[in-house]
Protein backbone atom coordinates (compact mmCIF):
# COMPACT_ATOMS: atom_id res chain seq x y z
CA MET A 1 -14.96 -15.94 -7.95
CA ASN A 2 -12.43 -13.14 -8.78
CA ASP A 3 -9.68 -15.26 -10.24
CA ALA A 4 -7.19 -12.41 -10.30
CA ARG A 5 -7.85 -11.60 -6.44
CA TRP A 6 -6.87 -15.32 -5.56
CA ARG A 7 -3.95 -15.35 -7.65
CA VAL A 8 -2.61 -12.32 -5.93
CA LEU A 9 -3.23 -14.00 -2.57
CA ILE A 10 -1.33 -17.13 -3.56
CA ALA A 11 1.48 -15.17 -5.04
CA GLY A 12 1.77 -12.96 -1.86
CA PHE A 13 1.59 -16.10 0.30
CA LEU A 14 4.31 -17.92 -1.70
CA CYS A 15 6.70 -14.91 -1.99
CA TYR A 16 6.33 -13.98 1.77
CA ALA A 17 6.89 -17.51 2.92
CA PHE A 18 10.09 -17.72 0.88
CA ASP A 19 11.17 -14.44 2.51
CA ALA A 20 10.75 -15.96 5.97
CA MET A 21 12.55 -19.09 4.92
CA ASP A 22 15.51 -16.96 4.04
CA PHE A 23 15.83 -15.27 7.38
CA MET A 24 15.13 -18.54 9.16
CA VAL A 25 18.00 -20.30 7.27
CA LEU A 26 20.47 -17.95 8.80
CA ALA A 27 18.95 -17.99 12.30
CA LEU A 28 19.04 -21.89 12.24
CA SER A 29 22.59 -21.94 10.88
CA LEU A 30 24.04 -19.27 13.05
CA SER A 31 25.39 -21.74 15.73
CA ALA A 32 27.04 -23.99 13.06
CA ILE A 33 28.62 -20.97 11.19
CA SER A 34 29.86 -19.49 14.48
CA LYS A 35 31.52 -22.82 15.33
CA GLU A 36 33.10 -23.46 11.92
CA TRP A 37 34.66 -19.95 11.77
CA GLN A 38 35.04 -19.31 15.49
CA LEU A 39 32.79 -16.30 15.52
CA THR A 40 31.97 -14.17 18.46
CA ALA A 41 28.47 -13.31 19.39
CA SER A 42 28.86 -9.82 17.93
CA GLN A 43 30.21 -11.07 14.64
CA ALA A 44 27.39 -13.66 14.20
CA GLY A 45 24.96 -10.95 14.88
CA LEU A 46 26.34 -8.77 12.16
CA LEU A 47 25.29 -11.43 9.72
CA GLY A 48 21.72 -10.76 10.56
CA THR A 49 22.42 -6.99 10.64
CA ALA A 50 23.80 -6.99 6.94
CA GLY A 51 20.71 -8.71 5.63
CA LEU A 52 18.46 -6.07 7.51
CA LEU A 53 20.63 -3.07 6.25
CA GLY A 54 20.02 -4.42 2.65
CA VAL A 55 16.38 -4.45 3.40
CA GLY A 56 16.32 -0.84 4.48
CA LEU A 57 18.30 0.35 1.62
CA SER A 58 16.23 -1.30 -1.04
CA SER A 59 12.72 -0.83 0.25
CA VAL A 60 12.56 2.88 -0.94
CA VAL A 61 13.81 2.06 -4.26
CA VAL A 62 11.59 -1.03 -4.73
CA GLY A 63 8.44 0.92 -3.45
CA TRP A 64 9.06 3.61 -5.92
CA TYR A 65 9.65 1.16 -8.78
CA ALA A 66 6.42 -0.78 -7.90
CA ASP A 67 4.44 2.53 -7.72
CA ASN A 68 5.73 3.75 -11.18
CA TYR A 69 6.21 0.53 -13.12
CA GLY A 70 3.86 -2.20 -11.50
CA ARG A 71 3.48 -4.48 -8.54
CA ARG A 72 4.03 -7.72 -10.51
CA ARG A 73 7.34 -6.79 -12.11
CA ALA A 74 8.78 -5.34 -8.80
CA LEU A 75 7.72 -8.47 -6.75
CA ALA A 76 9.15 -10.97 -9.20
CA ILE A 77 12.54 -9.08 -9.38
CA CYS A 78 12.78 -8.97 -5.50
CA VAL A 79 12.06 -12.72 -5.02
CA ALA A 80 14.50 -13.70 -7.89
CA LEU A 81 17.21 -11.52 -6.23
CA PHE A 82 17.11 -12.95 -2.73
CA ALA A 83 16.81 -16.56 -4.21
CA PHE A 84 20.04 -16.07 -5.92
CA PHE A 85 22.07 -14.50 -3.33
CA THR A 86 20.82 -16.84 -0.49
CA SER A 87 21.84 -19.93 -2.58
CA ALA A 88 25.20 -18.22 -3.27
CA GLY A 89 25.90 -18.23 0.45
CA ALA A 90 26.53 -22.02 0.26
CA TRP A 91 29.93 -21.18 -1.46
CA ALA A 92 30.91 -18.46 1.03
CA GLN A 93 34.52 -19.11 2.17
CA ASP A 94 34.71 -16.84 5.13
CA TRP A 95 32.71 -14.41 7.34
CA LEU A 96 33.27 -11.39 5.05
CA GLN A 97 31.96 -13.29 2.02
CA LEU A 98 28.73 -14.37 3.79
CA LEU A 99 28.29 -10.87 5.26
CA THR A 100 28.29 -9.45 1.81
CA LEU A 101 25.91 -12.10 0.34
CA ARG A 102 23.56 -11.51 3.23
CA PHE A 103 23.56 -7.83 2.36
CA LEU A 104 22.75 -8.51 -1.24
CA ALA A 105 20.05 -10.96 -0.38
CA GLY A 106 18.59 -8.24 1.76
CA ILE A 107 18.36 -5.85 -1.19
CA GLY A 108 16.00 -8.56 -2.70
CA LEU A 109 14.07 -9.16 0.37
CA GLY A 110 13.61 -5.40 1.14
CA GLY A 111 10.89 -4.70 -1.44
CA THR A 112 8.82 -7.85 -0.88
CA TRP A 113 6.57 -6.74 2.12
CA GLY A 114 5.57 -3.34 0.67
CA VAL A 115 4.67 -4.66 -2.68
CA VAL A 116 2.80 -7.58 -1.22
CA ALA A 117 0.83 -5.48 1.21
CA ALA A 118 -0.11 -2.86 -1.55
CA TYR A 119 -1.09 -5.74 -4.07
CA VAL A 120 -3.36 -7.41 -1.70
CA HIS A 121 -4.89 -4.11 -0.43
CA GLU A 122 -5.79 -3.20 -3.98
CA ALA A 123 -7.04 -6.75 -5.06
CA TRP A 124 -9.37 -7.30 -2.07
CA PRO A 125 -12.58 -5.19 -0.84
CA ALA A 126 -12.31 -3.39 2.35
CA LYS A 127 -14.50 -5.62 4.44
CA HIS A 128 -12.31 -8.59 3.84
CA ARG A 129 -9.07 -6.82 3.48
CA GLY A 130 -7.54 -7.37 6.98
CA ARG A 131 -8.08 -11.19 6.86
CA ALA A 132 -6.70 -11.33 3.33
CA ILE A 133 -3.63 -9.47 4.22
CA ALA A 134 -3.40 -11.54 7.58
CA TRP A 135 -3.60 -14.79 5.53
CA VAL A 136 -0.72 -13.70 3.27
CA MET A 137 1.44 -12.51 6.16
CA SER A 138 0.74 -15.82 7.96
CA SER A 139 2.87 -17.44 5.40
CA TRP A 140 5.90 -16.04 7.51
CA PRO A 141 5.43 -18.65 10.40
CA ILE A 142 4.73 -21.26 7.63
CA GLY A 143 8.14 -20.36 5.95
CA TYR A 144 9.82 -20.54 9.45
CA ILE A 145 8.14 -24.02 10.11
CA VAL A 146 9.22 -25.37 6.66
CA ALA A 147 12.82 -24.14 7.11
CA ALA A 148 12.90 -25.64 10.61
CA LEU A 149 11.66 -28.98 9.25
CA ILE A 150 14.13 -28.87 6.45
CA ALA A 151 16.95 -27.89 8.90
CA ARG A 152 15.98 -30.83 11.20
CA VAL A 153 17.12 -33.17 8.37
CA VAL A 154 19.71 -31.22 6.45
CA LEU A 155 21.75 -29.56 9.33
CA PRO A 156 22.99 -32.73 11.26
CA GLU A 157 23.56 -34.68 7.95
CA PHE A 158 24.70 -32.20 5.39
CA GLY A 159 25.65 -28.93 7.27
CA TRP A 160 24.56 -25.31 7.01
CA ARG A 161 25.84 -24.77 3.37
CA ARG A 162 23.42 -27.32 1.98
CA LEU A 163 20.62 -25.49 3.82
CA PHE A 164 21.59 -22.16 2.08
CA LEU A 165 21.63 -23.88 -1.32
CA LEU A 166 18.03 -24.93 -0.69
CA GLY A 167 16.95 -21.33 -0.24
CA GLY A 168 17.36 -20.82 -3.85
CA GLY A 169 14.07 -22.59 -4.21
CA ALA A 170 12.43 -19.19 -3.74
CA VAL A 171 12.85 -18.62 -7.49
CA LEU A 172 9.65 -20.66 -7.86
CA GLY A 173 7.63 -17.69 -6.33
CA ALA A 174 9.14 -15.42 -8.74
CA LEU A 175 8.17 -17.53 -11.75
CA TYR A 176 4.61 -17.90 -10.41
CA VAL A 177 4.40 -14.02 -10.25
CA ALA A 178 5.73 -13.55 -13.68
CA LEU A 179 3.70 -16.23 -15.38
CA PHE A 180 0.41 -16.42 -13.67
CA VAL A 181 -0.35 -13.05 -11.67
CA PRO A 182 -2.06 -10.07 -13.42
CA GLU A 183 -1.09 -6.38 -12.68
CA SER A 184 -3.12 -4.66 -10.10
CA ALA A 185 -6.24 -3.24 -11.89
CA GLU A 186 -6.37 -0.37 -9.32
CA TRP A 187 -2.77 0.53 -10.02
CA LEU A 188 -3.27 0.56 -13.71
CA GLN A 189 -6.36 2.67 -13.55
CA LYS A 190 -4.78 5.31 -11.17
CA ARG A 191 -1.57 5.43 -13.25
CA ARG A 192 -3.75 6.20 -16.34
CA GLU A 193 -5.57 8.96 -14.40
CA ARG A 194 -2.35 10.60 -13.07
CA ALA A 195 -0.80 10.51 -16.54
CA ALA A 196 -3.80 12.44 -17.81
CA GLN A 197 -3.87 15.14 -15.13
CA PRO A 198 -2.16 18.37 -16.33
CA THR A 199 0.48 20.00 -14.34
CA ALA A 200 1.05 23.77 -14.04
CA ASP A 201 2.83 23.97 -17.44
CA GLY A 202 -0.24 22.14 -19.06
CA HIS A 203 1.47 18.78 -19.48
CA GLY A 204 0.77 15.41 -18.09
CA ALA A 205 1.81 14.59 -14.45
CA ALA A 206 5.41 13.60 -15.42
CA GLY A 207 4.08 10.46 -17.13
CA GLY A 208 2.13 9.55 -13.90
CA HIS A 209 5.28 8.96 -12.00
CA SER A 210 5.29 9.03 -8.24
CA ARG A 211 8.27 10.60 -6.34
CA ILE A 212 9.74 9.59 -2.93
CA ARG A 213 9.24 13.07 -1.57
CA GLU A 214 5.56 12.80 -1.75
CA ILE A 215 5.41 10.52 1.32
CA PHE A 216 6.98 13.50 3.19
CA ALA A 217 4.40 16.01 2.04
CA PRO A 218 2.80 17.88 4.95
CA GLU A 219 -0.26 15.68 5.00
CA TYR A 220 1.77 12.34 5.21
CA ARG A 221 4.99 13.31 6.89
CA ARG A 222 3.95 12.62 10.61
CA ASN A 223 2.47 9.31 9.68
CA THR A 224 5.51 8.41 7.69
CA ILE A 225 7.98 9.28 10.54
CA LEU A 226 5.89 7.67 13.32
CA GLY A 227 5.01 4.63 11.25
CA THR A 228 8.63 3.95 10.52
CA LEU A 229 9.60 4.51 14.14
CA ALA A 230 6.83 2.03 15.26
CA ALA A 231 8.04 -0.66 12.81
CA ALA A 232 11.59 -0.14 13.67
CA CYS A 233 10.85 -0.89 17.38
CA ALA A 234 8.65 -3.77 16.71
CA VAL A 235 10.99 -5.53 14.34
CA SER A 236 14.04 -4.71 16.60
CA GLY A 237 12.24 -6.68 19.26
CA TYR A 238 11.21 -9.48 16.94
CA TRP A 239 14.64 -9.78 15.12
CA GLY A 240 16.54 -9.60 18.41
CA ALA A 241 14.50 -12.53 19.83
CA SER A 242 14.06 -14.71 16.65
CA SER A 243 17.84 -14.36 15.77
CA TRP A 244 19.13 -15.64 19.02
CA LEU A 245 16.27 -18.01 20.27
CA PRO A 246 17.67 -21.01 18.27
CA THR A 247 21.20 -20.30 19.68
CA TYR A 248 19.95 -19.72 23.09
CA LEU A 249 18.03 -23.10 23.03
CA GLN A 250 21.13 -24.90 21.98
CA ARG A 251 23.69 -23.24 24.21
CA GLU A 252 21.89 -22.31 27.35
CA ARG A 253 19.14 -24.92 27.53
CA GLY A 254 21.34 -27.73 25.92
CA LEU A 255 18.98 -28.69 23.20
CA ALA A 256 20.22 -30.74 20.27
CA VAL A 257 19.39 -29.33 16.60
CA THR A 258 16.44 -31.57 16.22
CA ASP A 259 14.92 -30.52 19.63
CA MET A 260 15.67 -26.95 19.01
CA ALA A 261 13.83 -27.12 15.53
CA ASP A 262 10.67 -28.60 17.42
CA PHE A 263 10.74 -25.71 19.88
CA ILE A 264 10.90 -23.19 16.79
CA ILE A 265 8.06 -25.21 15.09
CA VAL A 266 5.59 -24.93 18.00
CA LEU A 267 6.33 -21.22 18.48
CA ASN A 268 5.42 -20.56 14.78
CA ILE A 269 2.31 -22.60 15.01
CA GLY A 270 1.23 -20.05 17.68
CA MET A 271 2.24 -17.33 15.41
CA PHE A 272 0.24 -18.69 12.38
CA ILE A 273 -2.79 -18.75 14.74
CA GLY A 274 -2.11 -15.27 15.86
CA TYR A 275 -2.07 -14.06 12.29
CA GLN A 276 -5.39 -15.36 11.73
CA ALA A 277 -6.84 -13.95 14.95
CA PHE A 278 -5.31 -10.46 14.43
CA GLY A 279 -6.44 -10.35 10.91
CA TRP A 280 -10.08 -10.82 12.25
CA ILE A 281 -9.55 -8.31 15.03
CA ALA A 282 -8.21 -5.76 12.52
CA ASP A 283 -11.41 -6.12 10.52
CA GLN A 284 -13.71 -6.05 13.57
CA TRP A 285 -12.09 -3.69 15.92
CA GLY A 286 -9.53 -1.79 13.99
CA ARG A 287 -6.07 -2.22 12.64
CA ARG A 288 -4.52 0.11 15.33
CA ARG A 289 -6.10 -1.81 18.18
CA ALA A 290 -4.87 -5.12 16.83
CA LEU A 291 -1.24 -3.71 16.77
CA LEU A 292 -1.60 -2.26 20.34
CA LEU A 293 -2.71 -5.82 21.50
CA CYS A 294 0.21 -7.47 19.64
CA PHE A 295 2.86 -5.21 21.34
CA PHE A 296 1.24 -5.34 24.72
CA GLY A 297 1.26 -9.16 24.65
CA ALA A 298 4.86 -9.41 23.47
CA THR A 299 6.17 -6.96 26.01
CA LEU A 300 4.50 -8.84 28.80
CA LEU A 301 5.18 -12.32 27.76
CA LEU A 302 8.88 -12.34 26.17
CA PRO A 303 10.71 -11.88 29.43
CA LEU A 304 8.40 -14.30 31.17
CA TYR A 305 9.22 -17.00 28.58
CA VAL A 306 12.97 -16.88 28.89
CA SER A 307 12.66 -16.90 32.79
CA ILE A 308 10.73 -20.31 32.73
CA GLY A 309 12.93 -23.00 34.38
CA SER A 310 11.17 -25.98 32.93
CA LEU A 311 11.90 -27.00 29.33
CA SER A 312 8.65 -28.86 29.00
CA LEU A 313 6.69 -25.67 30.19
CA GLN A 314 8.68 -23.48 27.94
CA TYR A 315 7.92 -25.82 25.06
CA ALA A 316 4.14 -25.44 25.99
CA CYS A 317 4.30 -21.77 26.24
CA GLY A 318 6.06 -21.24 22.83
CA PRO A 319 2.74 -21.04 20.94
CA VAL A 320 1.44 -18.39 23.40
CA LEU A 321 4.43 -16.18 22.82
CA GLY A 322 4.36 -16.79 19.04
CA PHE A 323 0.67 -15.64 19.07
CA PHE A 324 1.69 -12.04 19.98
CA PHE A 325 4.59 -11.95 17.27
CA ALA A 326 1.95 -11.65 14.61
CA TYR A 327 2.19 -7.85 14.24
CA THR A 328 3.01 -7.95 10.58
CA ALA A 329 -0.63 -8.78 9.66
CA PRO A 330 -2.30 -5.69 11.17
CA PHE A 331 0.80 -3.66 9.98
CA GLY A 332 0.13 -5.04 6.54
CA ALA A 333 -3.56 -3.74 6.85
CA TYR A 334 -2.73 -0.57 8.60
CA PHE A 335 0.10 1.14 6.53
CA PRO A 336 -1.57 0.94 2.95
CA ARG A 337 -4.45 2.85 4.43
CA LEU A 338 -2.13 5.82 5.25
CA TYR A 339 -1.46 6.64 1.51
CA PRO A 340 -3.33 6.90 -1.79
CA THR A 341 -2.71 4.35 -4.56
CA HIS A 342 0.01 6.26 -6.42
CA ILE A 343 2.42 6.27 -3.36
CA ARG A 344 0.88 3.15 -1.49
CA SER A 345 3.72 0.62 -2.05
CA LEU A 346 6.30 3.25 -1.49
CA GLY A 347 4.76 4.56 1.62
CA ALA A 348 3.87 1.25 3.28
CA GLY A 349 7.12 -0.27 2.26
CA PHE A 350 9.04 2.68 3.48
CA CYS A 351 7.41 2.56 6.97
CA PHE A 352 7.88 -1.31 7.41
CA ASP A 353 11.06 -1.93 5.63
CA VAL A 354 12.94 1.31 6.52
CA GLY A 355 11.87 0.34 10.07
CA ARG A 356 13.28 -3.10 9.37
CA GLY A 357 16.52 -1.45 8.09
CA ILE A 358 16.69 0.81 11.22
CA SER A 359 16.38 -2.36 13.31
CA ALA A 360 19.37 -3.92 11.47
CA PHE A 361 21.64 -3.70 14.45
CA ALA A 362 19.25 -5.39 16.77
CA PRO A 363 20.83 -8.96 16.25
CA PHE A 364 24.27 -7.33 16.79
CA ALA A 365 23.16 -5.26 19.75
CA PHE A 366 21.49 -8.09 21.56
CA GLY A 367 24.31 -10.39 20.67
CA SER A 368 26.79 -7.98 22.30
CA LEU A 369 24.52 -7.65 25.21
CA ALA A 370 24.48 -11.48 25.61
CA THR A 371 28.27 -11.50 26.18
CA SER A 372 27.75 -9.77 29.50
CA ILE A 373 24.31 -10.97 30.69
CA GLY A 374 23.79 -14.15 28.95
CA LEU A 375 21.58 -15.01 25.83
CA GLY A 376 18.49 -15.67 27.80
CA ALA A 377 18.48 -12.52 29.57
CA SER A 378 19.38 -10.59 26.39
CA VAL A 379 16.32 -12.17 24.65
CA GLY A 380 14.25 -11.05 27.54
CA TRP A 381 15.33 -7.40 27.00
CA CYS A 382 13.88 -7.44 23.49
CA ALA A 383 10.63 -6.75 25.27
CA VAL A 384 11.69 -3.20 25.62
CA ALA A 385 11.48 -2.54 21.95
CA PHE A 386 8.02 -3.96 21.79
CA GLY A 387 6.92 -1.64 24.57
CA LEU A 388 8.28 1.19 22.74
CA ALA A 389 6.34 0.27 19.66
CA PHE A 390 3.31 0.27 21.78
CA LEU A 391 3.91 3.78 22.84
CA VAL A 392 4.52 5.08 19.29
CA MET A 393 1.36 3.45 17.99
CA LEU A 394 -0.54 5.45 20.43
CA ARG A 395 0.52 8.56 18.48
CA LEU A 396 -0.69 7.27 15.20
CA PRO A 397 -4.17 7.76 13.79
CA ASP A 398 -6.85 5.05 13.94
CA VAL A 399 -7.48 4.37 10.22
């Protein structure tokens, strides 16, 4: 057994699960925060937007850093940063302070996905790569479920601040990476090869350093732009729905915090199953086909879900909807294939995380829309973003 391969898998799983817990901590706390500070839906949505703006800003820098200085160091730094700033939110005294801390936490979160995707891609052989990345990315619903279970106990008894404080536990993921995970062997080899290649003036290739402009070279430009647009559309639909579903379930369906947490848990069980299924589909039928199927299903099912009148039926259908929210797994297998090793983390991270940054205004936009049409209808309109992601993916290559 390749011990390094499995350590990378465990590290990716842990770090991405903590990434998910961070975002879910805010989503689950949004109703309580809004009540305490008398926030409008637009102001509450901006808290989610702030984190996503930090994600978009940092992803390029972290991707460049990971390609030039190593996957391990970049991943450990990212996780430590968002652990610190998430827990710091427990001491926020007003909306503006929490908004700032969410932005800073987003800077740590921004690089995690691209580094993890490149790390796993380089550690695992092609025939198992889709399933390996799917397993790592399936830690996202696990993180959501863990956060919901913790919130089920902590929110009613101790309030949202204690929930944010527990978010600092993500530092355990950073310690595991720093102490137990080896650097990518493929990255080390390619870096040595690039450093030895002479440039036009006879010197090494700038010490083997990659440059951000390389992902916009003629052979990569179209894929970079369309890949970023596809991610922006998909994540806009997902963040719009996931940011407001907990509040929708409480305000419009009258659920208590504990019952709302149960709804979120069953939805994410479906998502976990979807990650495994779409990882298998990516390996067997192709990564692009897996993504198209995800987006088609989400586009069709999201408006149907919020239009269901029966709470028991809505509860039962949650896993079916969550199943098609598993687009991150095939994205994780797809984007790294668009780029060579020396710009892989940068390119994959740029597409997904700048896409996440572009989607930063989705929670704000759908929150604003909710003031006129209601939360349920606003969540249903998130399907339009998934439909646009489907159309953009049709323009990308089948790799």
